[in-house]
Protein backbone atom coordinates (compact mmCIF):
# COMPACT_ATOMS: atom_id res chain seq x y z
CA UNK A 1 -5.57 -21.73 -35.43
CA UNK A 2 -5.66 -21.26 -31.63
CA UNK A 3 -8.91 -20.20 -30.04
CA UNK A 4 -7.27 -18.19 -27.27
CA UNK A 5 -4.42 -15.67 -27.54
CA UNK A 6 -2.66 -17.36 -24.58
CA UNK A 7 -1.89 -20.36 -26.79
CA UNK A 8 -0.25 -18.21 -29.48
CA UNK A 9 3.55 -18.59 -29.18
CA UNK A 10 4.13 -15.02 -30.38
CA UNK A 11 1.78 -13.64 -27.73
CA UNK A 12 3.43 -15.76 -25.03
CA UNK A 13 6.87 -14.54 -26.09
CA UNK A 14 5.68 -10.94 -26.13
CA UNK A 15 4.21 -11.36 -22.63
CA UNK A 16 7.50 -12.85 -21.36
CA UNK A 17 9.50 -9.99 -22.85
CA UNK A 18 7.15 -7.43 -21.31
CA UNK A 19 7.42 -9.07 -17.87
CA UNK A 20 11.22 -9.15 -18.16
CA UNK A 21 11.27 -5.47 -19.21
CA UNK A 22 9.08 -4.51 -16.24
CA UNK A 23 11.34 -6.40 -13.82
CA UNK A 24 14.43 -4.70 -15.26
CA UNK A 25 12.72 -1.31 -15.09
CA UNK A 26 11.82 -1.90 -11.43
CA UNK A 27 15.42 -2.92 -10.70
CA UNK A 28 16.78 0.17 -12.46
CA UNK A 29 14.36 2.44 -10.61
CA UNK A 30 15.41 0.93 -7.27
CA UNK A 31 19.08 1.51 -8.16
CA UNK A 32 18.34 5.16 -8.96
CA UNK A 33 16.69 5.63 -5.56
CA UNK A 34 19.65 3.97 -3.81
CA UNK A 35 22.08 6.21 -5.69
CA UNK A 36 20.05 9.29 -4.74
CA UNK A 37 19.92 8.23 -1.08
CA UNK A 38 23.69 7.62 -0.91
CA UNK A 39 24.38 10.89 -2.71
CA UNK A 40 22.21 12.93 -0.33
CA UNK A 41 23.68 11.15 2.69
CA UNK A 42 27.18 11.90 1.44
CA UNK A 43 26.35 15.57 0.86
CA UNK A 44 25.08 15.86 4.44
CA UNK A 45 28.16 14.15 5.87
CA UNK A 46 30.37 16.51 3.87
CA UNK A 47 28.34 19.51 5.05
CA UNK A 48 28.67 18.48 8.71
CA UNK A 49 32.42 17.97 8.31
CA UNK A 50 32.76 21.42 6.72
CA UNK A 51 30.67 23.04 9.47
CA UNK A 52 32.83 21.31 12.10
CA UNK A 53 36.00 22.46 10.34
CA UNK A 54 34.85 26.08 10.12
CA UNK A 55 33.64 26.25 13.73
CA UNK A 56 36.81 24.68 15.13
CA UNK A 57 39.32 26.56 12.98
CA UNK A 58 41.80 28.67 14.91
């Protein structure tokens, strides 16, 4: 029986899975922020185009 939990294959596998899950979670969170940034940027561009259209309508 191993003296330390680091030598336990089940514990090592669990640690690897947790690290992989944290990396994926970080990647997903970054993608959400990018989506939000592009969405807000697009809304502002659309708003400026609409303001321009209304102010320059004949």
